[in-house]
Amino acid sequence: MRRIVFASHSLSRWHFNVQSVAQKTWIVFGLLIPLCLNGQNIVINEFASDNEQIIQDKHGDYSDWLELYNTTNDTLSLDGHYLSDDLYEPMKWAFPPINILPGDYLLVFASKKNLYDSIEIHTNFKIDSDGEILVLSDATGSIVDLLEPITLDFD
């Protein structure tokens, strides 16, 4: 039986385990509410690991992916921000100079291809389908957002 990991900053039926190290996220009635940090509010909105049929990249691969969301009314720069699957290495992968428009989303493939062009962004790591943390950090390594995934059975 294959398993898929999927988590989201939205209402759900799941129980989330947010450790004290996260301290940047509140849980209110199952809704994860990220706090505005450093004057910006970009969140890891959702992600999928063990992607086999959801989103295909331009190379024809079904890579793991995550989606960032700009919750503000301002265009925000990701220059100087990082993604990681390791809490102890929050600056594992640096974003290229890219902006997210107000209320817009950004798809990032976690394919281990480490590529960026005008069409797609790929990190230098994959998301473990058995579950692992995802960290968005700023230029100082401070956590901007953090998600702890849950493991679901594959349907």
C-alpha atoms as a PDB file:
ATOM      1  CA  MET A   1       0.000   0.000   0.000  1.00  0.00           C
ATOM      2  CA  ARG A   2       1.452   3.377  -1.034  1.00  0.00           C
ATOM      3  CA  ARG A   3       1.110   6.408   1.203  1.00  0.00           C
ATOM      4  CA  ILE A   4       0.861  10.080   0.430  1.00  0.00           C
ATOM      5  CA  VAL A   5       1.610  12.990   2.706  1.00  0.00           C
ATOM      6  CA  PHE A   6      -0.561  16.043   2.308  1.00  0.00           C
ATOM      7  CA  ALA A   7      -1.077  19.018   4.577  1.00  0.00           C
ATOM      8  CA  SER A   8      -2.689  22.374   4.189  1.00  0.00           C
ATOM      9  CA  HIS A   9      -3.306  25.679   5.951  1.00  0.00           C
ATOM     10  CA  SER A  10      -7.034  25.162   5.605  1.00  0.00           C
ATOM     11  CA  LEU A  11      -9.927  23.689   7.540  1.00  0.00           C
ATOM     12  CA  SER A  12      -9.573  19.966   7.780  1.00  0.00           C
ATOM     13  CA  ARG A  13     -10.592  16.874   9.681  1.00  0.00           C
ATOM     14  CA  TRP A  14      -6.989  16.100  10.591  1.00  0.00           C
ATOM     15  CA  HIS A  15      -5.250  16.568  13.897  1.00  0.00           C
ATOM     16  CA  PHE A  16      -2.034  18.559  13.611  1.00  0.00           C
ATOM     17  CA  ASN A  17       0.965  18.229  15.891  1.00  0.00           C
ATOM     18  CA  VAL A  18       2.586  21.653  16.169  1.00  0.00           C
ATOM     19  CA  GLN A  19       5.545  21.510  18.535  1.00  0.00           C
ATOM     20  CA  SER A  20       6.619  24.411  20.696  1.00  0.00           C
ATOM     21  CA  VAL A  21       9.527  25.077  18.323  1.00  0.00           C
ATOM     22  CA  ALA A  22       6.944  26.208  15.761  1.00  0.00           C
ATOM     23  CA  GLN A  23       5.637  29.024  17.997  1.00  0.00           C
ATOM     24  CA  LYS A  24       4.843  30.910  14.814  1.00  0.00           C
ATOM     25  CA  THR A  25       1.538  29.110  14.213  1.00  0.00           C
ATOM     26  CA  TRP A  26      -1.684  28.955  16.206  1.00  0.00           C
ATOM     27  CA  ILE A  27      -4.258  26.193  16.022  1.00  0.00           C
ATOM     28  CA  VAL A  28      -7.862  27.371  16.235  1.00  0.00           C
ATOM     29  CA  PHE A  29     -10.615  24.822  15.578  1.00  0.00           C
ATOM     30  CA  GLY A  30      -8.397  22.856  13.181  1.00  0.00           C
ATOM     31  CA  LEU A  31      -7.368  25.941  11.207  1.00  0.00           C
ATOM     32  CA  LEU A  32      -3.661  26.673  11.100  1.00  0.00           C
ATOM     33  CA  ILE A  33      -3.169  30.430  11.366  1.00  0.00           C
ATOM     34  CA  PRO A  34       0.348  31.580  10.536  1.00  0.00           C
ATOM     35  CA  LEU A  35       1.456  34.773  12.229  1.00  0.00           C
ATOM     36  CA  CYS A  36       2.795  37.700  10.225  1.00  0.00           C
ATOM     37  CA  LEU A  37       6.547  37.759  10.797  1.00  0.00           C
ATOM     38  CA  ASN A  38       9.146  40.275   9.723  1.00  0.00           C
ATOM     39  CA  GLY A  39       6.438  42.345   8.042  1.00  0.00           C
ATOM     40  CA  GLN A  40       5.669  39.566   5.549  1.00  0.00           C
ATOM     41  CA  ASN A  41       3.015  36.911   5.487  1.00  0.00           C
ATOM     42  CA  ILE A  42       3.876  34.122   3.096  1.00  0.00           C
ATOM     43  CA  VAL A  43       2.698  30.683   4.123  1.00  0.00           C
ATOM     44  CA  ILE A  44       3.231  27.130   2.968  1.00  0.00           C
ATOM     45  CA  ASN A  45      -0.343  26.650   1.867  1.00  0.00           C
ATOM     46  CA  GLU A  46      -0.254  23.000   0.861  1.00  0.00           C
ATOM     47  CA  PHE A  47       2.065  20.273  -0.321  1.00  0.00           C
ATOM     48  CA  ALA A  48       2.065  16.741  -1.663  1.00  0.00           C
ATOM     49  CA  SER A  49       4.678  14.037  -1.565  1.00  0.00           C
ATOM     50  CA  ASP A  50       4.714  10.805  -3.529  1.00  0.00           C
ATOM     51  CA  ASN A  51       2.945  12.687  -6.311  1.00  0.00           C
ATOM     52  CA  GLU A  52       1.961  10.194  -8.995  1.00  0.00           C
ATOM     53  CA  GLN A  53      -0.865  11.946 -10.818  1.00  0.00           C
ATOM     54  CA  ILE A  54      -1.646  15.377  -9.375  1.00  0.00           C
ATOM     55  CA  ILE A  55       0.743  17.850 -11.031  1.00  0.00           C
ATOM     56  CA  GLN A  56       3.241  17.097 -13.781  1.00  0.00           C
ATOM     57  CA  ASP A  57       6.308  19.284 -14.320  1.00  0.00           C
ATOM     58  CA  LYS A  58       7.550  20.410 -17.751  1.00  0.00           C
ATOM     59  CA  HIS A  59       9.908  17.402 -17.893  1.00  0.00           C
ATOM     60  CA  GLY A  60       6.940  15.027 -17.651  1.00  0.00           C
ATOM     61  CA  ASP A  61       7.755  14.032 -14.066  1.00  0.00           C
ATOM     62  CA  TYR A  62       5.276  13.872 -11.197  1.00  0.00           C
ATOM     63  CA  SER A  63       7.549  15.442  -8.605  1.00  0.00           C
ATOM     64  CA  ASP A  64       6.700  16.294  -5.020  1.00  0.00           C
ATOM     65  CA  TRP A  65       5.454  19.868  -4.755  1.00  0.00           C
ATOM     66  CA  LEU A  66       4.462  22.597  -2.375  1.00  0.00           C
ATOM     67  CA  GLU A  67       2.491  25.775  -2.751  1.00  0.00           C
ATOM     68  CA  LEU A  68       3.198  29.127  -1.137  1.00  0.00           C
ATOM     69  CA  TYR A  69       0.491  31.738  -0.631  1.00  0.00           C
ATOM     70  CA  ASN A  70       0.833  35.500  -0.203  1.00  0.00           C
ATOM     71  CA  THR A  71      -1.881  36.397   2.317  1.00  0.00           C
ATOM     72  CA  THR A  72      -1.306  40.147   1.998  1.00  0.00           C
ATOM     73  CA  ASN A  73      -2.420  42.961  -0.309  1.00  0.00           C
ATOM     74  CA  ASP A  74       1.212  43.633  -1.255  1.00  0.00           C
ATOM     75  CA  THR A  75       3.623  42.041  -3.707  1.00  0.00           C
ATOM     76  CA  LEU A  76       6.208  40.187  -1.612  1.00  0.00           C
ATOM     77  CA  SER A  77       9.727  39.180  -2.605  1.00  0.00           C
ATOM     78  CA  LEU A  78      11.082  35.714  -1.879  1.00  0.00           C
ATOM     79  CA  ASP A  79      14.627  36.903  -2.495  1.00  0.00           C
ATOM     80  CA  GLY A  80      16.566  36.022   0.662  1.00  0.00           C
ATOM     81  CA  HIS A  81      14.080  33.331   1.725  1.00  0.00           C
ATOM     82  CA  TYR A  82      14.729  29.625   2.033  1.00  0.00           C
ATOM     83  CA  LEU A  83      12.930  26.283   2.057  1.00  0.00           C
ATOM     84  CA  SER A  84      14.032  23.198   3.899  1.00  0.00           C
ATOM     85  CA  ASP A  85      12.915  19.769   4.989  1.00  0.00           C
ATOM     86  CA  ASP A  86      15.233  19.967   7.988  1.00  0.00           C
ATOM     87  CA  LEU A  87      14.522  22.172  11.016  1.00  0.00           C
ATOM     88  CA  TYR A  88      18.244  22.211  11.849  1.00  0.00           C
ATOM     89  CA  GLU A  89      19.169  23.365   8.323  1.00  0.00           C
ATOM     90  CA  PRO A  90      16.538  26.055   7.627  1.00  0.00           C
ATOM     91  CA  MET A  91      18.566  27.613   4.789  1.00  0.00           C
ATOM     92  CA  LYS A  92      18.873  24.403   2.763  1.00  0.00           C
ATOM     93  CA  TRP A  93      17.512  25.806  -0.524  1.00  0.00           C
ATOM     94  CA  ALA A  94      17.520  29.504  -1.494  1.00  0.00           C
ATOM     95  CA  PHE A  95      14.733  31.039  -3.536  1.00  0.00           C
ATOM     96  CA  PRO A  96      15.731  32.790  -6.730  1.00  0.00           C
ATOM     97  CA  PRO A  97      14.767  36.472  -6.996  1.00  0.00           C
ATOM     98  CA  ILE A  98      11.018  36.063  -7.466  1.00  0.00           C
ATOM     99  CA  ASN A  99       7.906  37.879  -6.254  1.00  0.00           C
ATOM    100  CA  ILE A 100       4.465  36.656  -5.253  1.00  0.00           C
ATOM    101  CA  LEU A 101       1.632  39.005  -6.173  1.00  0.00           C
ATOM    102  CA  PRO A 102      -1.028  39.936  -3.587  1.00  0.00           C
ATOM    103  CA  GLY A 103      -3.299  36.997  -2.820  1.00  0.00           C
ATOM    104  CA  ASP A 104      -1.388  34.829  -5.296  1.00  0.00           C
ATOM    105  CA  TYR A 105       0.117  31.348  -5.097  1.00  0.00           C
ATOM    106  CA  LEU A 106       3.504  29.979  -6.138  1.00  0.00           C
ATOM    107  CA  LEU A 107       4.029  26.327  -7.039  1.00  0.00           C
ATOM    108  CA  VAL A 108       7.459  24.922  -6.139  1.00  0.00           C
ATOM    109  CA  PHE A 109       8.492  21.408  -7.145  1.00  0.00           C
ATOM    110  CA  ALA A 110      10.456  19.537  -4.490  1.00  0.00           C
ATOM    111  CA  SER A 111      12.190  17.357  -7.069  1.00  0.00           C
ATOM    112  CA  LYS A 112      15.853  17.522  -6.064  1.00  0.00           C
ATOM    113  CA  LYS A 113      16.536  18.967  -9.550  1.00  0.00           C
ATOM    114  CA  ASN A 114      17.569  22.400  -8.173  1.00  0.00           C
ATOM    115  CA  LEU A 115      16.340  24.301 -11.236  1.00  0.00           C
ATOM    116  CA  TYR A 116      14.816  27.717 -11.853  1.00  0.00           C
ATOM    117  CA  ASP A 117      13.608  29.229 -15.085  1.00  0.00           C
ATOM    118  CA  SER A 118      10.723  31.393 -16.208  1.00  0.00           C
ATOM    119  CA  ILE A 119       8.368  28.402 -16.082  1.00  0.00           C
ATOM    120  CA  GLU A 120       9.196  26.342 -12.984  1.00  0.00           C
ATOM    121  CA  ILE A 121      11.063  26.291  -9.692  1.00  0.00           C
ATOM    122  CA  HIS A 122      12.609  23.060  -8.342  1.00  0.00           C
ATOM    123  CA  THR A 123      14.248  22.652  -4.914  1.00  0.00           C
ATOM    124  CA  ASN A 124      17.374  20.629  -4.128  1.00  0.00           C
ATOM    125  CA  PHE A 125      15.394  18.205  -1.924  1.00  0.00           C
ATOM    126  CA  LYS A 126      12.380  15.914  -2.128  1.00  0.00           C
ATOM    127  CA  ILE A 127       9.624  15.579   0.462  1.00  0.00           C
ATOM    128  CA  ASP A 128       9.759  12.290   2.342  1.00  0.00           C
ATOM    129  CA  SER A 129       6.468  10.449   1.848  1.00  0.00           C
ATOM    130  CA  ASP A 130       6.745   8.993   5.351  1.00  0.00           C
ATOM    131  CA  GLY A 131       6.423  12.528   6.690  1.00  0.00           C
ATOM    132  CA  GLU A 132       8.861  15.309   7.378  1.00  0.00           C
ATOM    133  CA  ILE A 133       8.790  18.936   8.344  1.00  0.00           C
ATOM    134  CA  LEU A 134       8.727  21.791   5.816  1.00  0.00           C
ATOM    135  CA  VAL A 135      10.306  25.094   6.820  1.00  0.00           C
ATOM    136  CA  LEU A 136      10.137  28.511   5.165  1.00  0.00           C
ATOM    137  CA  SER A 137      12.765  30.855   6.599  1.00  0.00           C
ATOM    138  CA  ASP A 138      14.076  34.361   5.982  1.00  0.00           C
ATOM    139  CA  ALA A 139      17.605  35.654   5.316  1.00  0.00           C
ATOM    140  CA  THR A 140      18.554  35.304   9.001  1.00  0.00           C
ATOM    141  CA  GLY A 141      17.349  31.692   9.204  1.00  0.00           C
ATOM    142  CA  SER A 142      14.330  32.729  11.299  1.00  0.00           C
ATOM    143  CA  ILE A 143      11.262  30.620  10.644  1.00  0.00           C
ATOM    144  CA  VAL A 144       8.571  32.408   8.654  1.00  0.00           C
ATOM    145  CA  ASP A 145       6.333  29.339   8.396  1.00  0.00           C
ATOM    146  CA  LEU A 146       6.565  25.698   9.354  1.00  0.00           C
ATOM    147  CA  LEU A 147       4.401  22.693   8.579  1.00  0.00           C
ATOM    148  CA  GLU A 148       4.548  19.275  10.131  1.00  0.00           C
ATOM    149  CA  PRO A 149       2.970  16.819   7.707  1.00  0.00           C
ATOM    150  CA  ILE A 150       0.736  13.937   8.496  1.00  0.00           C
ATOM    151  CA  THR A 151       0.846  10.583   6.772  1.00  0.00           C
ATOM    152  CA  LEU A 152      -2.281   9.352   5.043  1.00  0.00           C
ATOM    153  CA  ASP A 153      -2.980   6.037   3.373  1.00  0.00           C
ATOM    154  CA  PHE A 154      -2.948   6.215  -0.400  1.00  0.00           C
ATOM    155  CA  ASP A 155      -6.397   6.097  -1.991  1.00  0.00           C
END
